[in-house]
C-alpha atoms as a PDB file:
ATOM      1  CA  MET A   1      73.323  94.224 104.232  1.00  0.00           C
ATOM      2  CA  SER A   2      76.722  95.711 103.477  1.00  0.00           C
ATOM      3  CA  LYS A   3      79.280  93.927 101.339  1.00  0.00           C
ATOM      4  CA  LEU A   4      82.694  92.974 102.658  1.00  0.00           C
ATOM      5  CA  THR A   5      85.893  92.552 100.668  1.00  0.00           C
ATOM      6  CA  VAL A   6      88.977  90.889 102.141  1.00  0.00           C
ATOM      7  CA  LEU A   7      92.131  91.778 100.227  1.00  0.00           C
ATOM      8  CA  GLY A   8      94.767  89.117 100.777  1.00  0.00           C
ATOM      9  CA  ALA A   9      92.765  86.311 102.352  1.00  0.00           C
ATOM     10  CA  GLY A  10      95.518  84.402 104.143  1.00  0.00           C
ATOM     11  CA  LYS A  11      95.052  82.779 107.547  1.00  0.00           C
ATOM     12  CA  MET A  12      93.844  85.912 109.311  1.00  0.00           C
ATOM     13  CA  GLY A  13      91.629  87.022 106.444  1.00  0.00           C
ATOM     14  CA  GLU A  14      90.104  83.567 106.164  1.00  0.00           C
ATOM     15  CA  ALA A  15      89.589  83.446 109.946  1.00  0.00           C
ATOM     16  CA  LEU A  16      87.504  86.624 109.698  1.00  0.00           C
ATOM     17  CA  VAL A  17      85.500  85.202 106.823  1.00  0.00           C
ATOM     18  CA  GLY A  18      84.883  81.938 108.658  1.00  0.00           C
ATOM     19  CA  GLY A  19      83.738  83.735 111.789  1.00  0.00           C
ATOM     20  CA  LEU A  20      81.337  85.998 109.931  1.00  0.00           C
ATOM     21  CA  LEU A  21      79.796  83.096 108.041  1.00  0.00           C
ATOM     22  CA  ALA A  22      79.583  80.795 111.072  1.00  0.00           C
ATOM     23  CA  SER A  23      77.726  83.453 113.055  1.00  0.00           C
ATOM     24  CA  GLY A  24      75.322  84.160 110.210  1.00  0.00           C
ATOM     25  CA  TRP A  25      76.297  87.836 110.241  1.00  0.00           C
ATOM     26  CA  ARG A  26      77.161  87.598 106.561  1.00  0.00           C
ATOM     27  CA  GLN A  27      76.168  85.227 103.774  1.00  0.00           C
ATOM     28  CA  PRO A  28      78.742  83.877 101.278  1.00  0.00           C
ATOM     29  CA  GLY A  29      77.409  86.081  98.477  1.00  0.00           C
ATOM     30  CA  GLU A  30      78.079  89.198 100.552  1.00  0.00           C
ATOM     31  CA  ILE A  31      81.808  88.518 100.868  1.00  0.00           C
ATOM     32  CA  THR A  32      84.548  88.783  98.250  1.00  0.00           C
ATOM     33  CA  CYS A  33      88.070  87.519  98.842  1.00  0.00           C
ATOM     34  CA  THR A  34      91.198  88.184  96.825  1.00  0.00           C
ATOM     35  CA  ALA A  35      94.465  86.277  96.659  1.00  0.00           C
ATOM     36  CA  ARG A  36      97.401  86.024  94.301  1.00  0.00           C
ATOM     37  CA  SER A  37      97.212  82.363  93.368  1.00  0.00           C
ATOM     38  CA  GLU A  38      94.368  80.674  91.544  1.00  0.00           C
ATOM     39  CA  GLU A  39      94.800  77.637  93.786  1.00  0.00           C
ATOM     40  CA  ARG A  40      94.164  79.728  96.888  1.00  0.00           C
ATOM     41  CA  LEU A  41      91.127  81.340  95.310  1.00  0.00           C
ATOM     42  CA  LYS A  42      89.693  77.917  94.490  1.00  0.00           C
ATOM     43  CA  GLU A  43      90.291  76.796  98.087  1.00  0.00           C
ATOM     44  CA  LEU A  44      88.422  79.799  99.484  1.00  0.00           C
ATOM     45  CA  ALA A  45      85.501  79.371  97.111  1.00  0.00           C
ATOM     46  CA  ALA A  46      85.217  75.650  97.805  1.00  0.00           C
ATOM     47  CA  ARG A  47      85.543  76.000 101.577  1.00  0.00           C
ATOM     48  CA  HIS A  48      83.300  79.024 102.144  1.00  0.00           C
ATOM     49  CA  GLY A  49      81.283  79.605  98.973  1.00  0.00           C
ATOM     50  CA  VAL A  50      82.385  83.247  98.805  1.00  0.00           C
ATOM     51  CA  ASP A  51      83.080  85.245  95.675  1.00  0.00           C
ATOM     52  CA  VAL A  52      86.769  85.239  94.747  1.00  0.00           C
ATOM     53  CA  THR A  53      88.958  87.202  92.367  1.00  0.00           C
ATOM     54  CA  SER A  54      92.559  88.175  91.793  1.00  0.00           C
ATOM     55  CA  ASP A  55      91.451  91.666  90.694  1.00  0.00           C
ATOM     56  CA  ASN A  56      91.779  93.853  93.792  1.00  0.00           C
ATOM     57  CA  ALA A  57      90.448  96.942  92.049  1.00  0.00           C
ATOM     58  CA  ALA A  58      87.252  95.197  91.003  1.00  0.00           C
ATOM     59  CA  ALA A  59      86.847  93.703  94.463  1.00  0.00           C
ATOM     60  CA  VAL A  60      86.828  97.081  96.225  1.00  0.00           C
ATOM     61  CA  SER A  61      84.573  98.896  93.768  1.00  0.00           C
ATOM     62  CA  ASP A  62      81.281  97.671  95.249  1.00  0.00           C
ATOM     63  CA  ALA A  63      82.430  96.958  98.811  1.00  0.00           C
ATOM     64  CA  ASP A  64      81.131  98.772 101.865  1.00  0.00           C
ATOM     65  CA  VAL A  65      83.930  97.479 104.095  1.00  0.00           C
ATOM     66  CA  ILE A  66      87.440  96.755 102.785  1.00  0.00           C
ATOM     67  CA  VAL A  67      89.687  94.572 104.924  1.00  0.00           C
ATOM     68  CA  LEU A  68      93.413  94.915 104.248  1.00  0.00           C
ATOM     69  CA  ALA A  69      94.930  91.571 105.233  1.00  0.00           C
ATOM     70  CA  VAL A  70      98.119  91.379 103.165  1.00  0.00           C
ATOM     71  CA  LYS A  71     101.634  91.097 104.573  1.00  0.00           C
ATOM     72  CA  PRO A  72     103.184  94.441 105.576  1.00  0.00           C
ATOM     73  CA  GLN A  73     105.727  94.315 102.743  1.00  0.00           C
ATOM     74  CA  ASP A  74     102.856  94.018 100.242  1.00  0.00           C
ATOM     75  CA  ILE A  75     100.699  96.867 101.527  1.00  0.00           C
ATOM     76  CA  GLU A  76     102.204  99.760  99.546  1.00  0.00           C
ATOM     77  CA  PRO A  77     101.726  98.241  96.066  1.00  0.00           C
ATOM     78  CA  LEU A  78      98.235  97.109  97.074  1.00  0.00           C
ATOM     79  CA  LEU A  79      97.254 100.626  98.157  1.00  0.00           C
ATOM     80  CA  ALA A  80      98.630 102.035  94.891  1.00  0.00           C
ATOM     81  CA  GLU A  81      96.528  99.507  92.978  1.00  0.00           C
ATOM     82  CA  ILE A  82      93.238 100.230  94.746  1.00  0.00           C
ATOM     83  CA  SER A  83      93.554 103.953  95.513  1.00  0.00           C
ATOM     84  CA  PRO A  84      91.746 105.115  92.328  1.00  0.00           C
ATOM     85  CA  TYR A  85      88.730 102.997  93.300  1.00  0.00           C
ATOM     86  CA  VAL A  86      88.390 103.617  97.042  1.00  0.00           C
ATOM     87  CA  ARG A  87      85.686 106.091  98.114  1.00  0.00           C
ATOM     88  CA  SER A  88      85.162 108.142 101.255  1.00  0.00           C
ATOM     89  CA  ASP A  89      81.842 106.374 101.948  1.00  0.00           C
ATOM     90  CA  GLN A  90      83.652 103.057 102.432  1.00  0.00           C
ATOM     91  CA  THR A  91      85.301 101.797 105.621  1.00  0.00           C
ATOM     92  CA  VAL A  92      88.825 100.376 105.513  1.00  0.00           C
ATOM     93  CA  LEU A  93      89.834  97.919 108.237  1.00  0.00           C
ATOM     94  CA  SER A  94      93.544  97.130 108.283  1.00  0.00           C
ATOM     95  CA  VAL A  95      94.894  94.045 110.061  1.00  0.00           C
ATOM     96  CA  CYS A  96      98.395  94.597 108.642  1.00  0.00           C
ATOM     97  CA  ALA A  97     100.974  94.571 111.415  1.00  0.00           C
ATOM     98  CA  ALA A  98     102.941  97.791 112.047  1.00  0.00           C
ATOM     99  CA  ILE A  99     101.147  99.774 109.309  1.00  0.00           C
ATOM    100  CA  THR A 100      99.732 103.043 110.644  1.00  0.00           C
ATOM    101  CA  THR A 101      96.432 104.596 109.648  1.00  0.00           C
ATOM    102  CA  ALA A 102      98.344 107.698 108.476  1.00  0.00           C
ATOM    103  CA  PHE A 103     100.393 105.538 106.108  1.00  0.00           C
ATOM    104  CA  ILE A 104      97.216 104.101 104.582  1.00  0.00           C
ATOM    105  CA  GLU A 105      95.346 107.425 104.467  1.00  0.00           C
ATOM    106  CA  LYS A 106      98.220 109.163 102.698  1.00  0.00           C
ATOM    107  CA  ARG A 107      98.406 106.532  99.961  1.00  0.00           C
ATOM    108  CA  LEU A 108      94.676 106.215  99.381  1.00  0.00           C
ATOM    109  CA  GLY A 109      94.456 109.947  98.803  1.00  0.00           C
ATOM    110  CA  VAL A 110      90.837 110.370  99.891  1.00  0.00           C
ATOM    111  CA  ASP A 111      89.188 111.063 103.243  1.00  0.00           C
ATOM    112  CA  VAL A 112      88.394 107.389 103.668  1.00  0.00           C
ATOM    113  CA  PRO A 113      87.708 106.181 107.225  1.00  0.00           C
ATOM    114  CA  VAL A 114      90.531 103.819 108.249  1.00  0.00           C
ATOM    115  CA  VAL A 115      90.491 101.626 111.337  1.00  0.00           C
ATOM    116  CA  ARG A 116      93.620  99.759 112.342  1.00  0.00           C
ATOM    117  CA  ALA A 117      93.391  96.455 114.195  1.00  0.00           C
ATOM    118  CA  MET A 118      95.865  94.073 115.793  1.00  0.00           C
ATOM    119  CA  PRO A 119      94.171  90.667 116.077  1.00  0.00           C
ATOM    120  CA  ASN A 120      96.140  87.616 117.183  1.00  0.00           C
ATOM    121  CA  THR A 121      96.408  84.078 115.863  1.00  0.00           C
ATOM    122  CA  PRO A 122      93.727  82.481 118.113  1.00  0.00           C
ATOM    123  CA  SER A 123      91.282  84.338 115.855  1.00  0.00           C
ATOM    124  CA  VAL A 124      91.658  81.265 113.627  1.00  0.00           C
ATOM    125  CA  VAL A 125      89.665  79.280 116.239  1.00  0.00           C
ATOM    126  CA  HIS A 126      87.417  82.277 117.012  1.00  0.00           C
ATOM    127  CA  GLU A 127      89.072  82.904 120.393  1.00  0.00           C
ATOM    128  CA  GLY A 128      91.162  85.854 119.304  1.00  0.00           C
ATOM    129  CA  MET A 129      91.962  89.147 120.990  1.00  0.00           C
ATOM    130  CA  ALA A 130      92.177  92.371 119.023  1.00  0.00           C
ATOM    131  CA  GLY A 131      92.954  95.982 119.762  1.00  0.00           C
ATOM    132  CA  ILE A 132      91.508  98.569 117.365  1.00  0.00           C
ATOM    133  CA  ALA A 133      92.177 102.263 116.830  1.00  0.00           C
ATOM    134  CA  ALA A 134      90.551 104.919 114.676  1.00  0.00           C
ATOM    135  CA  GLY A 135      92.338 106.860 111.977  1.00  0.00           C
ATOM    136  CA  LYS A 136      91.910 110.568 111.254  1.00  0.00           C
ATOM    137  CA  HIS A 137      88.637 110.224 109.341  1.00  0.00           C
ATOM    138  CA  ALA A 138      87.052 107.329 111.278  1.00  0.00           C
ATOM    139  CA  SER A 139      84.134 108.053 113.576  1.00  0.00           C
ATOM    140  CA  GLU A 140      82.654 106.013 116.405  1.00  0.00           C
ATOM    141  CA  ALA A 141      80.269 104.518 113.853  1.00  0.00           C
ATOM    142  CA  HIS A 142      83.183 103.222 111.778  1.00  0.00           C
ATOM    143  CA  LEU A 143      84.822 101.803 114.893  1.00  0.00           C
ATOM    144  CA  GLU A 144      81.586 100.017 115.744  1.00  0.00           C
ATOM    145  CA  ILE A 145      81.449  98.417 112.288  1.00  0.00           C
ATOM    146  CA  CYS A 146      84.971  97.068 112.749  1.00  0.00           C
ATOM    147  CA  ARG A 147      84.323  95.977 116.333  1.00  0.00           C
ATOM    148  CA  GLU A 148      81.322  94.004 115.120  1.00  0.00           C
ATOM    149  CA  ILE A 149      83.423  92.258 112.460  1.00  0.00           C
ATOM    150  CA  LEU A 150      86.223  91.307 114.852  1.00  0.00           C
ATOM    151  CA  THR A 151      83.845  90.238 117.632  1.00  0.00           C
ATOM    152  CA  HIS A 152      82.923  87.242 115.487  1.00  0.00           C
ATOM    153  CA  VAL A 153      86.447  85.829 115.893  1.00  0.00           C
ATOM    154  CA  GLY A 154      87.125  86.840 119.493  1.00  0.00           C
ATOM    155  CA  ARG A 155      87.140  89.869 121.760  1.00  0.00           C
ATOM    156  CA  VAL A 156      87.946  93.495 120.999  1.00  0.00           C
ATOM    157  CA  VAL A 157      89.284  96.476 122.942  1.00  0.00           C
ATOM    158  CA  THR A 158      89.485 100.030 121.620  1.00  0.00           C
ATOM    159  CA  VAL A 159      92.708 101.943 122.270  1.00  0.00           C
ATOM    160  CA  ALA A 160      94.541 105.014 121.037  1.00  0.00           C
ATOM    161  CA  GLU A 161      96.664 104.157 118.026  1.00  0.00           C
ATOM    162  CA  ASP A 162      99.917 104.824 119.853  1.00  0.00           C
ATOM    163  CA  HIS A 163      98.954 102.034 122.263  1.00  0.00           C
ATOM    164  CA  LEU A 164      98.691  99.427 119.518  1.00  0.00           C
ATOM    165  CA  ASP A 165     102.400  98.654 119.834  1.00  0.00           C
ATOM    166  CA  ALA A 166     101.710  97.603 123.428  1.00  0.00           C
ATOM    167  CA  VAL A 167      98.761  95.509 122.236  1.00  0.00           C
ATOM    168  CA  THR A 168     101.096  93.879 119.711  1.00  0.00           C
ATOM    169  CA  ALA A 169     103.643  93.119 122.423  1.00  0.00           C
ATOM    170  CA  ILE A 170     101.098  91.568 124.771  1.00  0.00           C
ATOM    171  CA  SER A 171      98.330  89.850 122.815  1.00  0.00           C
ATOM    172  CA  GLY A 172      99.809  89.880 119.324  1.00  0.00           C
ATOM    173  CA  SER A 173     103.015  88.149 120.413  1.00  0.00           C
ATOM    174  CA  GLY A 174     101.363  86.574 123.457  1.00  0.00           C
ATOM    175  CA  PRO A 175     100.548  83.185 121.904  1.00  0.00           C
ATOM    176  CA  ALA A 176     104.279  82.644 121.372  1.00  0.00           C
ATOM    177  CA  TYR A 177     104.983  83.353 125.052  1.00  0.00           C
ATOM    178  CA  PHE A 178     102.362  80.834 126.141  1.00  0.00           C
ATOM    179  CA  ALA A 179     103.647  78.326 123.602  1.00  0.00           C
ATOM    180  CA  LEU A 180     107.175  78.695 125.006  1.00  0.00           C
ATOM    181  CA  LEU A 181     105.867  78.197 128.533  1.00  0.00           C
ATOM    182  CA  ALA A 182     103.814  75.191 127.426  1.00  0.00           C
ATOM    183  CA  GLU A 183     106.844  73.715 125.679  1.00  0.00           C
ATOM    184  CA  ALA A 184     108.926  74.040 128.860  1.00  0.00           C
ATOM    185  CA  MET A 185     106.207  72.500 131.031  1.00  0.00           C
ATOM    186  CA  ILE A 186     105.671  69.606 128.622  1.00  0.00           C
ATOM    187  CA  GLU A 187     109.390  68.887 128.603  1.00  0.00           C
ATOM    188  CA  ALA A 188     109.359  69.005 132.416  1.00  0.00           C
ATOM    189  CA  GLY A 189     106.595  66.404 132.436  1.00  0.00           C
ATOM    190  CA  ILE A 190     108.666  64.152 130.208  1.00  0.00           C
ATOM    191  CA  LEU A 191     111.632  64.636 132.552  1.00  0.00           C
ATOM    192  CA  LEU A 192     109.345  63.473 135.379  1.00  0.00           C
ATOM    193  CA  SER A 193     108.635  60.245 133.426  1.00  0.00           C
ATOM    194  CA  LEU A 194     105.268  61.170 131.914  1.00  0.00           C
ATOM    195  CA  SER A 195     104.651  60.383 128.256  1.00  0.00           C
ATOM    196  CA  ARG A 196     104.650  63.331 125.836  1.00  0.00           C
ATOM    197  CA  GLU A 197     100.961  62.765 125.074  1.00  0.00           C
ATOM    198  CA  ILE A 198      99.906  62.851 128.727  1.00  0.00           C
ATOM    199  CA  SER A 199     102.211  65.751 129.580  1.00  0.00           C
ATOM    200  CA  THR A 200     100.842  67.748 126.637  1.00  0.00           C
ATOM    201  CA  GLU A 201      97.228  67.109 127.632  1.00  0.00           C
ATOM    202  CA  LEU A 202      97.932  68.106 131.238  1.00  0.00           C
ATOM    203  CA  VAL A 203      99.591  71.357 130.216  1.00  0.00           C
ATOM    204  CA  VAL A 204      97.176  72.436 127.469  1.00  0.00           C
ATOM    205  CA  GLN A 205      94.044  71.761 129.502  1.00  0.00           C
ATOM    206  CA  THR A 206      95.543  73.464 132.563  1.00  0.00           C
ATOM    207  CA  MET A 207      96.308  76.584 130.500  1.00  0.00           C
ATOM    208  CA  LEU A 208      92.827  76.582 128.975  1.00  0.00           C
ATOM    209  CA  GLY A 209      91.067  76.074 132.304  1.00  0.00           C
ATOM    210  CA  SER A 210      93.125  78.743 134.031  1.00  0.00           C
ATOM    211  CA  ALA A 211      92.386  81.257 131.270  1.00  0.00           C
ATOM    212  CA  LYS A 212      88.663  80.520 131.470  1.00  0.00           C
ATOM    213  CA  MET A 213      88.647  81.021 135.242  1.00  0.00           C
ATOM    214  CA  MET A 214      90.243  84.437 134.882  1.00  0.00           C
ATOM    215  CA  ARG A 215      87.986  85.423 131.988  1.00  0.00           C
ATOM    216  CA  ASP A 216      84.633  83.904 132.867  1.00  0.00           C
ATOM    217  CA  GLU A 217      84.838  84.239 136.661  1.00  0.00           C
ATOM    218  CA  HIS A 218      86.495  87.680 136.419  1.00  0.00           C
ATOM    219  CA  MET A 219      89.261  86.378 138.633  1.00  0.00           C
ATOM    220  CA  HIS A 220      92.435  88.405 138.981  1.00  0.00           C
ATOM    221  CA  ALA A 221      95.640  86.551 138.186  1.00  0.00           C
ATOM    222  CA  VAL A 222      96.817  87.112 141.767  1.00  0.00           C
ATOM    223  CA  GLU A 223      93.608  85.523 143.099  1.00  0.00           C
ATOM    224  CA  LEU A 224      94.120  82.420 140.983  1.00  0.00           C
ATOM    225  CA  ARG A 225      97.751  82.112 142.024  1.00  0.00           C
ATOM    226  CA  GLU A 226      96.864  82.476 145.706  1.00  0.00           C
ATOM    227  CA  MET A 227      94.036  79.957 145.360  1.00  0.00           C
ATOM    228  CA  VAL A 228      96.505  77.316 144.179  1.00  0.00           C
ATOM    229  CA  THR A 229      99.364  78.314 146.487  1.00  0.00           C
ATOM    230  CA  SER A 230      99.039  76.855 150.007  1.00  0.00           C
ATOM    231  CA  PRO A 231     101.572  77.578 152.793  1.00  0.00           C
ATOM    232  CA  GLY A 232     104.503  75.196 152.714  1.00  0.00           C
ATOM    233  CA  GLY A 233     103.108  73.359 149.703  1.00  0.00           C
ATOM    234  CA  THR A 234     104.375  72.304 146.289  1.00  0.00           C
ATOM    235  CA  THR A 235     103.268  75.417 144.417  1.00  0.00           C
ATOM    236  CA  ILE A 236     104.978  77.942 146.698  1.00  0.00           C
ATOM    237  CA  ARG A 237     108.197  75.939 146.385  1.00  0.00           C
ATOM    238  CA  ALA A 238     107.943  76.172 142.592  1.00  0.00           C
ATOM    239  CA  ILE A 239     106.987  79.867 142.639  1.00  0.00           C
ATOM    240  CA  ARG A 240     110.016  80.611 144.792  1.00  0.00           C
ATOM    241  CA  VAL A 241     112.323  79.001 142.223  1.00  0.00           C
ATOM    242  CA  LEU A 242     110.708  80.968 139.399  1.00  0.00           C
ATOM    243  CA  GLU A 243     111.053  84.248 141.291  1.00  0.00           C
ATOM    244  CA  GLN A 244     114.694  83.512 142.151  1.00  0.00           C
ATOM    245  CA  ALA A 245     115.326  82.835 138.460  1.00  0.00           C
ATOM    246  CA  GLY A 246     113.918  86.259 137.589  1.00  0.00           C
ATOM    247  CA  VAL A 247     111.075  84.946 135.421  1.00  0.00           C
ATOM    248  CA  ARG A 248     108.754  87.873 136.200  1.00  0.00           C
ATOM    249  CA  ALA A 249     111.435  90.439 135.358  1.00  0.00           C
ATOM    250  CA  ALA A 250     112.316  88.527 132.193  1.00  0.00           C
ATOM    251  CA  PHE A 251     108.705  88.763 131.009  1.00  0.00           C
ATOM    252  CA  LEU A 252     108.630  92.494 131.671  1.00  0.00           C
ATOM    253  CA  ASP A 253     111.851  92.955 129.688  1.00  0.00           C
ATOM    254  CA  ALA A 254     110.665  90.665 126.880  1.00  0.00           C
ATOM    255  CA  ILE A 255     107.356  92.469 126.390  1.00  0.00           C
ATOM    256  CA  GLN A 256     109.095  95.838 126.454  1.00  0.00           C
ATOM    257  CA  ALA A 257     111.489  94.542 123.768  1.00  0.00           C
ATOM    258  CA  ALA A 258     108.541  93.385 121.654  1.00  0.00           C
ATOM    259  CA  MET A 259     106.910  96.813 121.907  1.00  0.00           C
ATOM    260  CA  ASP A 260     110.174  98.530 121.000  1.00  0.00           C
ATOM    261  CA  ARG A 261     110.480  96.319 117.931  1.00  0.00           C
ATOM    262  CA  SER A 262     106.894  97.024 116.907  1.00  0.00           C
ATOM    263  CA  GLN A 263     107.648 100.752 117.036  1.00  0.00           C
ATOM    264  CA  GLU A 264     110.800 100.219 114.956  1.00  0.00           C
ATOM    265  CA  LEU A 265     108.826  98.348 112.301  1.00  0.00           C
ATOM    266  CA  ALA A 266     106.223 101.111 112.217  1.00  0.00           C
ATOM    267  CA  ARG A 267     109.033 103.574 111.474  1.00  0.00           C
ATOM    268  CA  GLY A 268     110.200 101.368 108.618  1.00  0.00           C
ATOM    269  CA  ASP A 269     113.289  99.959 110.349  1.00  0.00           C
ATOM    270  CA  SER A 270     113.685  96.484 108.828  1.00  0.00           C
ATOM    271  CA  GLU A 271     116.909  95.568 110.624  1.00  0.00           C
ATOM    272  CA  THR A 272     116.673  92.608 112.984  1.00  0.00           C
END
């Protein structure tokens, strides 16, 4: 079986490792993780039994798949460090936000297959959503390798790379939108005299159940809304208020703004 190296095993990198081990797709001895601090390396070794090192160059030398999981501001020095040791028969999977495959390919200096992915934070509980795109030298076989890795922490869709900014705006930032909605609904429950604990349980379980109905029953969002909305009832009264407040339009504008910002970051614009 091929060996996997995760460079920069933070939350997302560790989520991938945990998913691969839990599924049995990889054994601890087939995975190497790197991190800057010795404390973090000890945590990873103790928790997962994987090989650990702070030497990125050594970690990539015998890897079949290299996962780049560092923060975007750390990617350029990392690529400079590993470029002499990366080979064209390896596959590079990048989960670094806003870093293009062309950026990585240029700095590695070899015809290495690069696949870019945008997973989201629910990957930590193996319910993530990721979009992936192939770089210049990546074939369908390389995409399949990366799809298989990411499938162990959620679901995967394949898109053109110029659509990854839209993926970022919808599923990458999406957990924050749902969290904001949940926060508002929980506060509404408290306003209606429910305890915070009960209001939180009502909201979280309702969100989870609704998502499962749309996913597992292949139910369109409109179908679910219409199922709950009876003529002259409580739900249609609430929906009317939301529509009058422009909530739908606000979401469209917000997601467009997120995509615009993702494109700015990809161009290297660091201004907020």
